[in-house]
């Protein structure tokens, strides 16, 4: 019988919309991507208590595959409605948009 496995999938996102629904985690606790509220728990906080945005996405700084699998297993076992995205891709996209805005002419 075939086992389910976690695989990475690339999709197109509106970065501004993503930023309003992302929780940036560094362990169990994280920061709201929208208002930068600290100390949020991805297993308990469905919304940001400060700005009220609903979390749909998680991003972690961890590069350790074991840590990432633990996060994914926790999302699955606790039936959390969250999608883990690659933090490096997210940061790169934000930086690209910021750099592009620097050279806009009015």
PDB file of N, CA and C in Angstrom:
ATOM      1  N   UNK A   1       0.846  -1.177   0.000  1.00  0.00           N
ATOM      2  CA  UNK A   1       0.000   0.000   0.000  1.00  0.00           C
ATOM      3  C   UNK A   1       0.898   1.249   0.000  1.00  0.00           C
ATOM      4  N   UNK A   2       0.549   2.209  -0.827  1.00  0.00           N
ATOM      5  CA  UNK A   2       1.334   3.446  -0.947  1.00  0.00           C
ATOM      6  C   UNK A   2       1.122   4.339   0.274  1.00  0.00           C
ATOM      7  N   UNK A   3       2.198   4.917   0.743  1.00  0.00           N
ATOM      8  CA  UNK A   3       2.148   5.828   1.885  1.00  0.00           C
ATOM      9  C   UNK A   3       2.036   7.262   1.395  1.00  0.00           C
ATOM     10  N   UNK A   4       1.323   8.084   2.161  1.00  0.00           N
ATOM     11  CA  UNK A   4       1.281   9.512   1.871  1.00  0.00           C
ATOM     12  C   UNK A   4       2.595  10.137   2.310  1.00  0.00           C
ATOM     13  N   UNK A   5       3.096  11.043   1.502  1.00  0.00           N
ATOM     14  CA  UNK A   5       4.348  11.744   1.779  1.00  0.00           C
ATOM     15  C   UNK A   5       4.121  13.243   1.607  1.00  0.00           C
ATOM     16  N   UNK A   6       4.940  14.030   2.266  1.00  0.00           N
ATOM     17  CA  UNK A   6       4.916  15.470   2.075  1.00  0.00           C
ATOM     18  C   UNK A   6       5.791  15.816   0.870  1.00  0.00           C
ATOM     19  N   UNK A   7       5.249  16.629  -0.034  1.00  0.00           N
ATOM     20  CA  UNK A   7       6.029  17.113  -1.165  1.00  0.00           C
ATOM     21  C   UNK A   7       5.826  18.623  -1.301  1.00  0.00           C
ATOM     22  N   UNK A   8       6.827  19.275  -1.845  1.00  0.00           N
ATOM     23  CA  UNK A   8       6.732  20.721  -2.063  1.00  0.00           C
ATOM     24  C   UNK A   8       6.003  20.967  -3.372  1.00  0.00           C
ATOM     25  N   UNK A   9       5.151  21.975  -3.363  1.00  0.00           N
ATOM     26  CA  UNK A   9       4.382  22.338  -4.542  1.00  0.00           C
ATOM     27  C   UNK A   9       4.551  23.832  -4.771  1.00  0.00           C
ATOM     28  N   UNK A  10       4.825  24.229  -5.998  1.00  0.00           N
ATOM     29  CA  UNK A  10       4.942  25.651  -6.304  1.00  0.00           C
ATOM     30  C   UNK A  10       3.624  26.157  -6.853  1.00  0.00           C
ATOM     31  N   UNK A  11       3.242  27.322  -6.382  1.00  0.00           N
ATOM     32  CA  UNK A  11       2.023  27.952  -6.871  1.00  0.00           C
ATOM     33  C   UNK A  11       2.234  29.458  -6.911  1.00  0.00           C
ATOM     34  N   UNK A  12       1.379  30.149  -7.622  1.00  0.00           N
ATOM     35  CA  UNK A  12       1.471  31.590  -7.773  1.00  0.00           C
ATOM     36  C   UNK A  12       0.651  32.268  -6.678  1.00  0.00           C
ATOM     37  N   UNK A  13       1.264  33.202  -5.940  1.00  0.00           N
ATOM     38  CA  UNK A  13       0.585  33.910  -4.853  1.00  0.00           C
ATOM     39  C   UNK A  13       0.669  35.416  -5.057  1.00  0.00           C
ATOM     40  N   UNK A  14      -0.358  36.110  -4.606  1.00  0.00           N
ATOM     41  CA  UNK A  14      -0.299  37.558  -4.468  1.00  0.00           C
ATOM     42  C   UNK A  14       0.396  37.792  -3.129  1.00  0.00           C
ATOM     43  N   UNK A  15       1.598  38.357  -3.153  1.00  0.00           N
ATOM     44  CA  UNK A  15       2.411  38.479  -1.946  1.00  0.00           C
ATOM     45  C   UNK A  15       1.747  39.371  -0.901  1.00  0.00           C
ATOM     46  N   UNK A  16       1.097  40.431  -1.320  1.00  0.00           N
ATOM     47  CA  UNK A  16       0.425  41.312  -0.356  1.00  0.00           C
ATOM     48  C   UNK A  16      -0.706  40.577   0.362  1.00  0.00           C
ATOM     49  N   UNK A  17      -1.461  39.765  -0.370  1.00  0.00           N
ATOM     50  CA  UNK A  17      -2.537  38.978   0.250  1.00  0.00           C
ATOM     51  C   UNK A  17      -1.949  37.919   1.176  1.00  0.00           C
ATOM     52  N   UNK A  18      -0.860  37.300   0.751  1.00  0.00           N
ATOM     53  CA  UNK A  18      -0.197  36.283   1.566  1.00  0.00           C
ATOM     54  C   UNK A  18       0.309  36.894   2.871  1.00  0.00           C
ATOM     55  N   UNK A  19       0.896  38.081   2.781  1.00  0.00           N
ATOM     56  CA  UNK A  19       1.449  38.762   3.954  1.00  0.00           C
ATOM     57  C   UNK A  19       0.379  39.019   5.019  1.00  0.00           C
ATOM     58  N   UNK A  20      -0.857  39.180   4.600  1.00  0.00           N
ATOM     59  CA  UNK A  20      -1.951  39.453   5.536  1.00  0.00           C
ATOM     60  C   UNK A  20      -2.480  38.202   6.224  1.00  0.00           C
ATOM     61  N   UNK A  21      -2.015  37.030   5.788  1.00  0.00           N
ATOM     62  CA  UNK A  21      -2.512  35.782   6.359  1.00  0.00           C
ATOM     63  C   UNK A  21      -1.410  34.815   6.756  1.00  0.00           C
ATOM     64  N   UNK A  22      -0.211  35.336   7.022  1.00  0.00           N
ATOM     65  CA  UNK A  22       0.905  34.444   7.321  1.00  0.00           C
ATOM     66  C   UNK A  22       1.387  34.621   8.757  1.00  0.00           C
ATOM     67  N   UNK A  23       1.765  33.506   9.338  1.00  0.00           N
ATOM     68  CA  UNK A  23       2.387  33.481  10.658  1.00  0.00           C
ATOM     69  C   UNK A  23       3.825  33.009  10.449  1.00  0.00           C
ATOM     70  N   UNK A  24       4.775  33.857  10.817  1.00  0.00           N
ATOM     71  CA  UNK A  24       6.199  33.559  10.648  1.00  0.00           C
ATOM     72  C   UNK A  24       6.708  32.943  11.940  1.00  0.00           C
ATOM     73  N   UNK A  25       7.087  31.660  11.896  1.00  0.00           N
ATOM     74  CA  UNK A  25       7.451  30.953  13.127  1.00  0.00           C
ATOM     75  C   UNK A  25       8.941  30.647  13.189  1.00  0.00           C
ATOM     76  N   UNK A  26       9.437  30.588  14.423  1.00  0.00           N
ATOM     77  CA  UNK A  26      10.831  30.251  14.690  1.00  0.00           C
ATOM     78  C   UNK A  26      10.919  29.137  15.717  1.00  0.00           C
ATOM     79  N   UNK A  27       9.970  28.328  15.839  1.00  0.00           N
ATOM     80  CA  UNK A  27       9.890  27.246  16.809  1.00  0.00           C
ATOM     81  C   UNK A  27       8.397  27.008  16.929  1.00  0.00           C
ATOM     82  N   UNK A  28       7.875  27.112  18.123  1.00  0.00           N
ATOM     83  CA  UNK A  28       6.438  27.004  18.309  1.00  0.00           C
ATOM     84  C   UNK A  28       5.798  28.381  18.198  1.00  0.00           C
ATOM     85  N   UNK A  29       6.540  29.403  18.549  1.00  0.00           N
ATOM     86  CA  UNK A  29       5.993  30.754  18.583  1.00  0.00           C
ATOM     87  C   UNK A  29       6.429  31.555  17.369  1.00  0.00           C
ATOM     88  N   UNK A  30       5.581  32.536  17.024  1.00  0.00           N
ATOM     89  CA  UNK A  30       5.881  33.301  15.830  1.00  0.00           C
ATOM     90  C   UNK A  30       5.351  34.721  15.870  1.00  0.00           C
ATOM     91  N   UNK A  31       5.388  35.326  14.687  1.00  0.00           N
ATOM     92  CA  UNK A  31       5.053  36.725  14.496  1.00  0.00           C
ATOM     93  C   UNK A  31       4.022  36.853  13.384  1.00  0.00           C
ATOM     94  N   UNK A  32       3.027  37.700  13.600  1.00  0.00           N
ATOM     95  CA  UNK A  32       2.029  37.981  12.574  1.00  0.00           C
ATOM     96  C   UNK A  32       2.706  38.699  11.408  1.00  0.00           C
ATOM     97  N   UNK A  33       2.512  38.217  10.201  1.00  0.00           N
ATOM     98  CA  UNK A  33       3.094  38.850   9.026  1.00  0.00           C
ATOM     99  C   UNK A  33       2.455  40.184   8.703  1.00  0.00           C
ATOM    100  N   UNK A  34       1.248  40.405   9.186  1.00  0.00           N
ATOM    101  CA  UNK A  34       0.527  41.638   8.880  1.00  0.00           C
ATOM    102  C   UNK A  34       0.908  42.784   9.811  1.00  0.00           C
ATOM    103  N   UNK A  35       0.850  42.552  11.130  1.00  0.00           N
ATOM    104  CA  UNK A  35       1.068  43.655  12.094  1.00  0.00           C
ATOM    105  C   UNK A  35       2.315  43.463  12.960  1.00  0.00           C
ATOM    106  N   UNK A  36       2.989  42.326  12.805  1.00  0.00           N
ATOM    107  CA  UNK A  36       4.234  42.017  13.537  1.00  0.00           C
ATOM    108  C   UNK A  36       4.032  41.717  15.023  1.00  0.00           C
ATOM    109  N   UNK A  37       2.809  41.349  15.421  1.00  0.00           N
ATOM    110  CA  UNK A  37       2.536  40.929  16.800  1.00  0.00           C
ATOM    111  C   UNK A  37       3.393  39.712  17.114  1.00  0.00           C
ATOM    112  N   UNK A  38       4.070  39.732  18.250  1.00  0.00           N
ATOM    113  CA  UNK A  38       4.981  38.657  18.658  1.00  0.00           C
ATOM    114  C   UNK A  38       4.304  37.650  19.573  1.00  0.00           C
ATOM    115  N   UNK A  39       4.928  36.485  19.731  1.00  0.00           N
ATOM    116  CA  UNK A  39       4.533  35.499  20.724  1.00  0.00           C
ATOM    117  C   UNK A  39       3.301  34.690  20.375  1.00  0.00           C
ATOM    118  N   UNK A  40       2.994  34.557  19.097  1.00  0.00           N
ATOM    119  CA  UNK A  40       1.813  33.803  18.687  1.00  0.00           C
ATOM    120  C   UNK A  40       2.156  32.324  18.530  1.00  0.00           C
ATOM    121  N   UNK A  41       1.203  31.475  18.874  1.00  0.00           N
ATOM    122  CA  UNK A  41       1.392  30.034  18.837  1.00  0.00           C
ATOM    123  C   UNK A  41       0.618  29.467  17.654  1.00  0.00           C
ATOM    124  N   UNK A  42       1.315  28.856  16.710  1.00  0.00           N
ATOM    125  CA  UNK A  42       0.630  28.385  15.502  1.00  0.00           C
ATOM    126  C   UNK A  42      -0.356  27.251  15.752  1.00  0.00           C
ATOM    127  N   UNK A  43      -0.226  26.546  16.871  1.00  0.00           N
ATOM    128  CA  UNK A  43      -1.180  25.472  17.157  1.00  0.00           C
ATOM    129  C   UNK A  43      -2.451  25.983  17.850  1.00  0.00           C
ATOM    130  N   UNK A  44      -2.392  27.184  18.391  1.00  0.00           N
ATOM    131  CA  UNK A  44      -3.536  27.712  19.145  1.00  0.00           C
ATOM    132  C   UNK A  44      -4.138  28.971  18.559  1.00  0.00           C
ATOM    133  N   UNK A  45      -3.314  29.840  17.997  1.00  0.00           N
ATOM    134  CA  UNK A  45      -3.802  31.127  17.496  1.00  0.00           C
ATOM    135  C   UNK A  45      -4.249  31.005  16.042  1.00  0.00           C
ATOM    136  N   UNK A  46      -5.546  31.021  15.835  1.00  0.00           N
ATOM    137  CA  UNK A  46      -6.107  30.951  14.479  1.00  0.00           C
ATOM    138  C   UNK A  46      -6.129  32.330  13.836  1.00  0.00           C
ATOM    139  N   UNK A  47      -6.211  33.352  14.694  1.00  0.00           N
ATOM    140  CA  UNK A  47      -6.232  34.747  14.254  1.00  0.00           C
ATOM    141  C   UNK A  47      -5.259  35.540  15.104  1.00  0.00           C
ATOM    142  N   UNK A  48      -4.810  36.651  14.572  1.00  0.00           N
ATOM    143  CA  UNK A  48      -3.946  37.541  15.332  1.00  0.00           C
ATOM    144  C   UNK A  48      -4.798  38.317  16.341  1.00  0.00           C
ATOM    145  N   UNK A  49      -4.443  38.294  17.618  1.00  0.00           N
ATOM    146  CA  UNK A  49      -5.229  39.017  18.616  1.00  0.00           C
ATOM    147  C   UNK A  49      -5.127  40.537  18.463  1.00  0.00           C
ATOM    148  N   UNK A  50      -4.097  41.010  17.776  1.00  0.00           N
ATOM    149  CA  UNK A  50      -3.913  42.450  17.617  1.00  0.00           C
ATOM    150  C   UNK A  50      -4.663  42.998  16.398  1.00  0.00           C
ATOM    151  N   UNK A  51      -4.437  42.414  15.220  1.00  0.00           N
ATOM    152  CA  UNK A  51      -5.040  42.964  13.998  1.00  0.00           C
ATOM    153  C   UNK A  51      -6.222  42.150  13.473  1.00  0.00           C
ATOM    154  N   UNK A  52      -6.412  40.927  13.998  1.00  0.00           N
ATOM    155  CA  UNK A  52      -7.564  40.112  13.622  1.00  0.00           C
ATOM    156  C   UNK A  52      -7.418  39.320  12.338  1.00  0.00           C
ATOM    157  N   UNK A  53      -6.244  39.357  11.711  1.00  0.00           N
ATOM    158  CA  UNK A  53      -6.107  38.602  10.462  1.00  0.00           C
ATOM    159  C   UNK A  53      -6.126  37.096  10.761  1.00  0.00           C
ATOM    160  N   UNK A  54      -6.709  36.351   9.842  1.00  0.00           N
ATOM    161  CA  UNK A  54      -6.808  34.899   9.979  1.00  0.00           C
ATOM    162  C   UNK A  54      -5.573  34.255   9.358  1.00  0.00           C
ATOM    163  N   UNK A  55      -4.939  33.359  10.109  1.00  0.00           N
ATOM    164  CA  UNK A  55      -3.742  32.693   9.612  1.00  0.00           C
ATOM    165  C   UNK A  55      -4.114  31.514   8.727  1.00  0.00           C
ATOM    166  N   UNK A  56      -3.598  31.547   7.500  1.00  0.00           N
ATOM    167  CA  UNK A  56      -3.790  30.457   6.544  1.00  0.00           C
ATOM    168  C   UNK A  56      -2.461  29.805   6.184  1.00  0.00           C
ATOM    169  N   UNK A  57      -1.356  30.553   6.422  1.00  0.00           N
ATOM    170  CA  UNK A  57      -0.032  30.105   6.006  1.00  0.00           C
ATOM    171  C   UNK A  57       0.968  30.229   7.146  1.00  0.00           C
ATOM    172  N   UNK A  58       1.947  29.343   7.117  1.00  0.00           N
ATOM    173  CA  UNK A  58       3.080  29.373   8.047  1.00  0.00           C
ATOM    174  C   UNK A  58       4.356  29.422   7.226  1.00  0.00           C
ATOM    175  N   UNK A  59       5.359  30.070   7.786  1.00  0.00           N
ATOM    176  CA  UNK A  59       6.697  30.022   7.194  1.00  0.00           C
ATOM    177  C   UNK A  59       7.689  29.950   8.340  1.00  0.00           C
ATOM    178  N   UNK A  60       8.691  29.118   8.183  1.00  0.00           N
ATOM    179  CA  UNK A  60       9.704  28.934   9.212  1.00  0.00           C
ATOM    180  C   UNK A  60      11.087  29.241   8.655  1.00  0.00           C
ATOM    181  N   UNK A  61      11.976  29.704   9.521  1.00  0.00           N
ATOM    182  CA  UNK A  61      13.365  29.939   9.128  1.00  0.00           C
ATOM    183  C   UNK A  61      14.179  28.660   9.133  1.00  0.00           C
ATOM    184  N   UNK A  62      13.649  27.607   9.710  1.00  0.00           N
ATOM    185  CA  UNK A  62      14.405  26.367   9.836  1.00  0.00           C
ATOM    186  C   UNK A  62      14.709  25.770   8.459  1.00  0.00           C
ATOM    187  N   UNK A  63      15.938  25.336   8.305  1.00  0.00           N
ATOM    188  CA  UNK A  63      16.361  24.622   7.093  1.00  0.00           C
ATOM    189  C   UNK A  63      16.494  23.127   7.376  1.00  0.00           C
ATOM    190  N   UNK A  64      16.332  22.767   8.647  1.00  0.00           N
ATOM    191  CA  UNK A  64      16.482  21.381   9.071  1.00  0.00           C
ATOM    192  C   UNK A  64      15.249  20.572   8.643  1.00  0.00           C
ATOM    193  N   UNK A  65      15.427  19.577   7.766  1.00  0.00           N
ATOM    194  CA  UNK A  65      14.282  18.774   7.314  1.00  0.00           C
ATOM    195  C   UNK A  65      13.510  18.112   8.464  1.00  0.00           C
ATOM    196  N   UNK A  66      14.215  17.739   9.532  1.00  0.00           N
ATOM    197  CA  UNK A  66      13.538  17.114  10.686  1.00  0.00           C
ATOM    198  C   UNK A  66      12.571  18.106  11.329  1.00  0.00           C
ATOM    199  N   UNK A  67      13.009  19.355  11.506  1.00  0.00           N
ATOM    200  CA  UNK A  67      12.128  20.381  12.085  1.00  0.00           C
ATOM    201  C   UNK A  67      10.917  20.632  11.195  1.00  0.00           C
ATOM    202  N   UNK A  68      11.155  20.699   9.897  1.00  0.00           N
ATOM    203  CA  UNK A  68      10.064  20.959   8.957  1.00  0.00           C
ATOM    204  C   UNK A  68       9.062  19.820   8.970  1.00  0.00           C
ATOM    205  N   UNK A  69       9.537  18.586   9.000  1.00  0.00           N
ATOM    206  CA  UNK A  69       8.630  17.426   9.061  1.00  0.00           C
ATOM    207  C   UNK A  69       7.843  17.435  10.369  1.00  0.00           C
ATOM    208  N   UNK A  70       8.476  17.833  11.468  1.00  0.00           N
ATOM    209  CA  UNK A  70       7.749  17.925  12.746  1.00  0.00           C
ATOM    210  C   UNK A  70       6.620  18.945  12.651  1.00  0.00           C
ATOM    211  N   UNK A  71       6.880  20.083  12.030  1.00  0.00           N
ATOM    212  CA  UNK A  71       5.837  21.099  11.857  1.00  0.00           C
ATOM    213  C   UNK A  71       4.708  20.543  10.986  1.00  0.00           C
ATOM    214  N   UNK A  72       5.065  19.911   9.873  1.00  0.00           N
ATOM    215  CA  UNK A  72       4.053  19.349   8.983  1.00  0.00           C
ATOM    216  C   UNK A  72       3.236  18.256   9.666  1.00  0.00           C
ATOM    217  N   UNK A  73       3.904  17.396  10.429  1.00  0.00           N
ATOM    218  CA  UNK A  73       3.186  16.340  11.157  1.00  0.00           C
ATOM    219  C   UNK A  73       2.242  16.933  12.196  1.00  0.00           C
ATOM    220  N   UNK A  74       2.668  18.005  12.844  1.00  0.00           N
ATOM    221  CA  UNK A  74       1.812  18.655  13.844  1.00  0.00           C
ATOM    222  C   UNK A  74       0.587  19.291  13.184  1.00  0.00           C
ATOM    223  N   UNK A  75       0.793  19.932  12.042  1.00  0.00           N
ATOM    224  CA  UNK A  75      -0.324  20.511  11.286  1.00  0.00           C
ATOM    225  C   UNK A  75      -1.319  19.405  10.937  1.00  0.00           C
ATOM    226  N   UNK A  76      -0.783  18.276  10.480  1.00  0.00           N
ATOM    227  CA  UNK A  76      -1.642  17.149  10.081  1.00  0.00           C
ATOM    228  C   UNK A  76      -2.344  16.523  11.289  1.00  0.00           C
ATOM    229  N   UNK A  77      -1.596  16.221  12.340  1.00  0.00           N
ATOM    230  CA  UNK A  77      -2.178  15.513  13.487  1.00  0.00           C
ATOM    231  C   UNK A  77      -3.197  16.364  14.240  1.00  0.00           C
ATOM    232  N   UNK A  78      -2.989  17.669  14.273  1.00  0.00           N
ATOM    233  CA  UNK A  78      -3.926  18.544  14.976  1.00  0.00           C
ATOM    234  C   UNK A  78      -4.976  19.139  14.046  1.00  0.00           C
ATOM    235  N   UNK A  79      -4.949  18.664  12.782  1.00  0.00           N
ATOM    236  CA  UNK A  79      -5.931  19.091  11.777  1.00  0.00           C
ATOM    237  C   UNK A  79      -6.024  20.617  11.683  1.00  0.00           C
ATOM    238  N   UNK A  80      -4.854  21.249  11.601  1.00  0.00           N
ATOM    239  CA  UNK A  80      -4.785  22.704  11.500  1.00  0.00           C
ATOM    240  C   UNK A  80      -4.963  23.110  10.037  1.00  0.00           C
ATOM    241  N   UNK A  81      -5.749  24.128   9.808  1.00  0.00           N
ATOM    242  CA  UNK A  81      -6.002  24.622   8.447  1.00  0.00           C
ATOM    243  C   UNK A  81      -4.891  25.584   8.040  1.00  0.00           C
ATOM    244  N   UNK A  82      -3.669  25.065   7.956  1.00  0.00           N
ATOM    245  CA  UNK A  82      -2.496  25.879   7.636  1.00  0.00           C
ATOM    246  C   UNK A  82      -1.689  25.236   6.522  1.00  0.00           C
ATOM    247  N   UNK A  83      -1.089  26.072   5.703  1.00  0.00           N
ATOM    248  CA  UNK A  83      -0.198  25.614   4.638  1.00  0.00           C
ATOM    249  C   UNK A  83       1.190  26.153   4.950  1.00  0.00           C
ATOM    250  N   UNK A  84       2.179  25.260   4.975  1.00  0.00           N
ATOM    251  CA  UNK A  84       3.560  25.665   5.231  1.00  0.00           C
ATOM    252  C   UNK A  84       4.186  26.094   3.907  1.00  0.00           C
ATOM    253  N   UNK A  85       4.705  27.326   3.878  1.00  0.00           N
ATOM    254  CA  UNK A  85       5.374  27.812   2.675  1.00  0.00           C
ATOM    255  C   UNK A  85       6.860  28.001   2.977  1.00  0.00           C
ATOM    256  N   UNK A  86       7.645  28.103   1.935  1.00  0.00           N
ATOM    257  CA  UNK A  86       9.087  28.270   2.091  1.00  0.00           C
ATOM    258  C   UNK A  86       9.391  29.725   2.455  1.00  0.00           C
ATOM    259  N   UNK A  87      10.000  29.931   3.605  1.00  0.00           N
ATOM    260  CA  UNK A  87      10.270  31.284   4.097  1.00  0.00           C
ATOM    261  C   UNK A  87      11.246  32.022   3.192  1.00  0.00           C
ATOM    262  N   UNK A  88      12.196  31.312   2.649  1.00  0.00           N
ATOM    263  CA  UNK A  88      13.175  31.935   1.762  1.00  0.00           C
ATOM    264  C   UNK A  88      12.497  32.479   0.496  1.00  0.00           C
ATOM    265  N   UNK A  89      11.589  31.710  -0.075  1.00  0.00           N
ATOM    266  CA  UNK A  89      10.828  32.175  -1.243  1.00  0.00           C
ATOM    267  C   UNK A  89       9.992  33.404  -0.882  1.00  0.00           C
ATOM    268  N   UNK A  90       9.354  33.354   0.270  1.00  0.00           N
ATOM    269  CA  UNK A  90       8.530  34.466   0.741  1.00  0.00           C
ATOM    270  C   UNK A  90       9.386  35.732   0.905  1.00  0.00           C
ATOM    271  N   UNK A  91      10.515  35.605   1.589  1.00  0.00           N
ATOM    272  CA  UNK A  91      11.396  36.755   1.806  1.00  0.00           C
ATOM    273  C   UNK A  91      11.940  37.311   0.493  1.00  0.00           C
ATOM    274  N   UNK A  92      12.285  36.422  -0.428  1.00  0.00           N
ATOM    275  CA  UNK A  92      12.783  36.847  -1.731  1.00  0.00           C
ATOM    276  C   UNK A  92      11.714  37.629  -2.503  1.00  0.00           C
ATOM    277  N   UNK A  93      10.491  37.160  -2.456  1.00  0.00           N
ATOM    278  CA  UNK A  93       9.398  37.841  -3.142  1.00  0.00           C
ATOM    279  C   UNK A  93       9.129  39.217  -2.540  1.00  0.00           C
ATOM    280  N   UNK A  94       9.169  39.302  -1.206  1.00  0.00           N
ATOM    281  CA  UNK A  94       8.992  40.599  -0.553  1.00  0.00           C
ATOM    282  C   UNK A  94      10.111  41.561  -0.945  1.00  0.00           C
ATOM    283  N   UNK A  95      11.334  41.082  -0.927  1.00  0.00           N
ATOM    284  CA  UNK A  95      12.481  41.928  -1.262  1.00  0.00           C
ATOM    285  C   UNK A  95      12.389  42.403  -2.716  1.00  0.00           C
ATOM    286  N   UNK A  96      11.946  41.538  -3.594  1.00  0.00           N
ATOM    287  CA  UNK A  96      11.806  41.899  -4.999  1.00  0.00           C
ATOM    288  C   UNK A  96      10.791  43.023  -5.156  1.00  0.00           C
ATOM    289  N   UNK A  97       9.654  42.904  -4.475  1.00  0.00           N
ATOM    290  CA  UNK A  97       8.623  43.943  -4.555  1.00  0.00           C
ATOM    291  C   UNK A  97       9.104  45.260  -3.954  1.00  0.00           C
ATOM    292  N   UNK A  98       9.842  45.201  -2.864  1.00  0.00           N
ATOM    293  CA  UNK A  98      10.370  46.417  -2.232  1.00  0.00           C
ATOM    294  C   UNK A  98      11.377  47.093  -3.166  1.00  0.00           C
ATOM    295  N   UNK A  99      12.258  46.298  -3.758  1.00  0.00           N
ATOM    296  CA  UNK A  99      13.264  46.856  -4.673  1.00  0.00           C
ATOM    297  C   UNK A  99      12.595  47.467  -5.903  1.00  0.00           C
ATOM    298  N   UNK A 100      11.575  46.811  -6.407  1.00  0.00           N
ATOM    299  CA  UNK A 100      10.859  47.322  -7.576  1.00  0.00           C
ATOM    300  C   UNK A 100      10.204  48.664  -7.259  1.00  0.00           C
ATOM    301  N   UNK A 101       9.633  48.787  -6.049  1.00  0.00           N
ATOM    302  CA  UNK A 101       8.972  50.026  -5.641  1.00  0.00           C
ATOM    303  C   UNK A 101       9.965  51.169  -5.458  1.00  0.00           C
ATOM    304  N   UNK A 102      11.217  50.880  -5.141  1.00  0.00           N
ATOM    305  CA  UNK A 102      12.224  51.919  -4.958  1.00  0.00           C
ATOM    306  C   UNK A 102      12.487  52.706  -6.244  1.00  0.00           C
ATOM    307  N   UNK A 103      12.322  52.050  -7.376  1.00  0.00           N
ATOM    308  CA  UNK A 103      12.652  52.673  -8.643  1.00  0.00           C
ATOM    309  C   UNK A 103      11.443  53.155  -9.428  1.00  0.00           C
ATOM    310  N   UNK A 104      10.277  53.158  -8.792  1.00  0.00           N
ATOM    311  CA  UNK A 104       9.074  53.682  -9.439  1.00  0.00           C
ATOM    312  C   UNK A 104       9.182  55.202  -9.555  1.00  0.00           C
ATOM    313  N   UNK A 105       8.695  55.698 -10.671  1.00  0.00           N
ATOM    314  CA  UNK A 105       8.615  57.155 -10.808  1.00  0.00           C
ATOM    315  C   UNK A 105       7.156  57.549 -10.708  1.00  0.00           C
ATOM    316  N   UNK A 106       6.925  58.670 -10.075  1.00  0.00           N
ATOM    317  CA  UNK A 106       5.542  59.103  -9.850  1.00  0.00           C
ATOM    318  C   UNK A 106       4.921  59.679 -11.086  1.00  0.00           C
TER     319      UNK A 106
END
